[in-house]
Every structure is written in C-alpha cells, then in structure tokens.
C-alpha cells in the first residue's frame, strides 16, 4: 500500500510541475499578446495620421497642378498676344 501512495505522490508531483509550466507558458503568451495588441494599436493610429497626411498632400498636389496649368495658359496667351502684335 505504501508503494501505491508513493507512486501516486510522484505522479501528482509530475502533474503539478506540468501545470505550473503550462501556467507560465500561458502568462508568457498573454504578455506577448498584450505587447502585440499595443503595437497594433500604435500602428493603427500612425496609419490614420499617415492616411490623413497623404490626403492633404494629394489635395495640395492637385492645387499646384492647377496653378501650373493656369500659369502655362497665361504664358501661352501672353506669347500669342506678343506674336500677334
């Protein structure tokens, strides 16, 4: 009977160690997940800022392109007037 109790105690200790290892792994994975979620949130915020800036730059680019077209048209009209004169 003592041998059965000794075997049971050994098995219990083995299972206890396995549970402790699994709990530690779980804590490590929870920490890794929390870090990944924090990085993801940071990247989403940055992505939003970058998208806003890209939209602003695209609008500025369109305005500059229109200004250049207007300037070219003014120069063409001026050349035509000088040529006709």
C-alpha atoms as a PDB file:
ATOM      1  CA  UNK A   1       0.000   0.000   0.000  1.00  0.00           C
ATOM      2  CA  UNK A   2       2.845   2.404   0.813  1.00  0.00           C
ATOM      3  CA  UNK A   3       4.228   1.766  -2.673  1.00  0.00           C
ATOM      4  CA  UNK A   4       0.896   2.824  -4.232  1.00  0.00           C
ATOM      5  CA  UNK A   5       0.892   6.033  -2.206  1.00  0.00           C
ATOM      6  CA  UNK A   6       4.481   6.755  -3.220  1.00  0.00           C
ATOM      7  CA  UNK A   7       3.624   6.237  -6.910  1.00  0.00           C
ATOM      8  CA  UNK A   8       0.560   8.454  -6.533  1.00  0.00           C
ATOM      9  CA  UNK A   9       2.650  11.177  -4.870  1.00  0.00           C
ATOM     10  CA  UNK A  10       5.241  11.032  -7.678  1.00  0.00           C
ATOM     11  CA  UNK A  11       2.557  11.239 -10.342  1.00  0.00           C
ATOM     12  CA  UNK A  12       0.929  14.107  -8.508  1.00  0.00           C
ATOM     13  CA  UNK A  13       4.246  15.995  -8.366  1.00  0.00           C
ATOM     14  CA  UNK A  14       4.807  15.412 -12.100  1.00  0.00           C
ATOM     15  CA  UNK A  15       1.323  16.678 -12.928  1.00  0.00           C
ATOM     16  CA  UNK A  16       1.787  19.668 -10.625  1.00  0.00           C
ATOM     17  CA  UNK A  17       5.026  20.615 -12.410  1.00  0.00           C
ATOM     18  CA  UNK A  18       3.328  20.251 -15.797  1.00  0.00           C
ATOM     19  CA  UNK A  19       0.502  22.520 -14.677  1.00  0.00           C
ATOM     20  CA  UNK A  20       2.994  25.093 -13.390  1.00  0.00           C
ATOM     21  CA  UNK A  21       4.867  25.036 -16.733  1.00  0.00           C
ATOM     22  CA  UNK A  22       1.604  25.395 -18.650  1.00  0.00           C
ATOM     23  CA  UNK A  23       0.547  28.324 -16.468  1.00  0.00           C
ATOM     24  CA  UNK A  24       3.911  30.027 -17.017  1.00  0.00           C
ATOM     25  CA  UNK A  25       3.614  29.494 -20.780  1.00  0.00           C
ATOM     26  CA  UNK A  26       0.100  30.917 -20.631  1.00  0.00           C
ATOM     27  CA  UNK A  27       1.354  34.028 -18.783  1.00  0.00           C
ATOM     28  CA  UNK A  28       4.146  34.469 -21.341  1.00  0.00           C
ATOM     29  CA  UNK A  29       1.669  34.172 -24.204  1.00  0.00           C
ATOM     30  CA  UNK A  30      -0.685  36.655 -22.549  1.00  0.00           C
ATOM     31  CA  UNK A  31       2.206  39.112 -22.212  1.00  0.00           C
ATOM     32  CA  UNK A  32       3.209  38.581 -25.841  1.00  0.00           C
ATOM     33  CA  UNK A  33      -0.391  39.102 -26.948  1.00  0.00           C
ATOM     34  CA  UNK A  34      -0.695  42.289 -24.883  1.00  0.00           C
ATOM     35  CA  UNK A  35       2.516  43.608 -26.459  1.00  0.00           C
ATOM     36  CA  UNK A  36       1.303  42.716 -29.952  1.00  0.00           C
ATOM     37  CA  UNK A  37      -2.035  44.426 -29.340  1.00  0.00           C
ATOM     38  CA  UNK A  38      -0.240  47.550 -28.093  1.00  0.00           C
ATOM     39  CA  UNK A  39       1.963  47.632 -31.196  1.00  0.00           C
ATOM     40  CA  UNK A  40      -1.092  47.071 -33.392  1.00  0.00           C
ATOM     41  CA  UNK A  41      -2.946  49.973 -31.772  1.00  0.00           C
ATOM     42  CA  UNK A  42       0.082  52.219 -32.193  1.00  0.00           C
ATOM     43  CA  UNK A  43       0.399  51.246 -35.850  1.00  0.00           C
ATOM     44  CA  UNK A  44      -3.296  51.859 -36.474  1.00  0.00           C
ATOM     45  CA  UNK A  45      -3.018  55.357 -35.017  1.00  0.00           C
ATOM     46  CA  UNK A  46       0.078  56.077 -37.074  1.00  0.00           C
ATOM     47  CA  UNK A  47      -1.585  54.676 -40.187  1.00  0.00           C
ATOM     48  CA  UNK A  48      -4.541  57.025 -39.626  1.00  0.00           C
ATOM     49  CA  UNK A  49      -2.198  60.020 -39.310  1.00  0.00           C
ATOM     50  CA  UNK A  50      -0.325  58.974 -42.459  1.00  0.00           C
ATOM     51  CA  UNK A  51      -3.543  58.500 -44.436  1.00  0.00           C
ATOM     52  CA  UNK A  52      -4.684  61.980 -43.400  1.00  0.00           C
ATOM     53  CA  UNK A  53      -1.347  63.458 -44.444  1.00  0.00           C
ATOM     54  CA  UNK A  54      -1.452  61.622 -47.782  1.00  0.00           C
ATOM     55  CA  UNK A  55      -4.914  63.059 -48.456  1.00  0.00           C
ATOM     56  CA  UNK A  56      -3.652  66.553 -47.633  1.00  0.00           C
ATOM     57  CA  UNK A  57      -0.645  66.111 -49.927  1.00  0.00           C
ATOM     58  CA  UNK A  58      -2.830  64.822 -52.747  1.00  0.00           C
ATOM     59  CA  UNK A  59      -5.057  67.888 -52.410  1.00  0.00           C
ATOM     60  CA  UNK A  60      -2.026  70.181 -52.353  1.00  0.00           C
ATOM     61  CA  UNK A  61      -0.638  68.407 -55.411  1.00  0.00           C
ATOM     62  CA  UNK A  62      -3.898  68.962 -57.323  1.00  0.00           C
ATOM     63  CA  UNK A  63      -3.886  72.657 -56.379  1.00  0.00           C
ATOM     64  CA  UNK A  64      -0.278  73.040 -57.503  1.00  0.00           C
ATOM     65  CA  UNK A  65      -1.013  71.249 -60.776  1.00  0.00           C
ATOM     66  CA  UNK A  66      -3.929  73.648 -61.431  1.00  0.00           C
ATOM     67  CA  UNK A  67      -1.713  76.639 -60.608  1.00  0.00           C
ATOM     68  CA  UNK A  68       0.947  75.384 -63.015  1.00  0.00           C
ATOM     69  CA  UNK A  69      -1.671  74.843 -65.734  1.00  0.00           C
ATOM     70  CA  UNK A  70      -3.036  78.345 -65.131  1.00  0.00           C
ATOM     71  CA  UNK A  71       0.471  79.816 -65.271  1.00  0.00           C
ATOM     72  CA  UNK A  72       1.263  77.945 -68.502  1.00  0.00           C
ATOM     73  CA  UNK A  73      -2.011  79.159 -70.050  1.00  0.00           C
ATOM     74  CA  UNK A  74      -1.188  82.744 -69.045  1.00  0.00           C
ATOM     75  CA  UNK A  75       2.267  82.443 -70.653  1.00  0.00           C
ATOM     76  CA  UNK A  76       0.789  80.943 -73.816  1.00  0.00           C
ATOM     77  CA  UNK A  77      -1.766  83.764 -74.073  1.00  0.00           C
ATOM     78  CA  UNK A  78       0.959  86.342 -73.457  1.00  0.00           C
ATOM     79  CA  UNK A  79       3.128  84.797 -76.201  1.00  0.00           C
ATOM     80  CA  UNK A  80       0.177  84.761 -78.580  1.00  0.00           C
ATOM     81  CA  UNK A  81      -0.511  88.449 -77.906  1.00  0.00           C
ATOM     82  CA  UNK A  82       3.133  89.347 -78.394  1.00  0.00           C
ATOM     83  CA  UNK A  83       3.274  87.322 -81.588  1.00  0.00           C
ATOM     84  CA  UNK A  84       0.113  88.964 -82.948  1.00  0.00           C
ATOM     85  CA  UNK A  85       1.395  92.446 -82.144  1.00  0.00           C
END
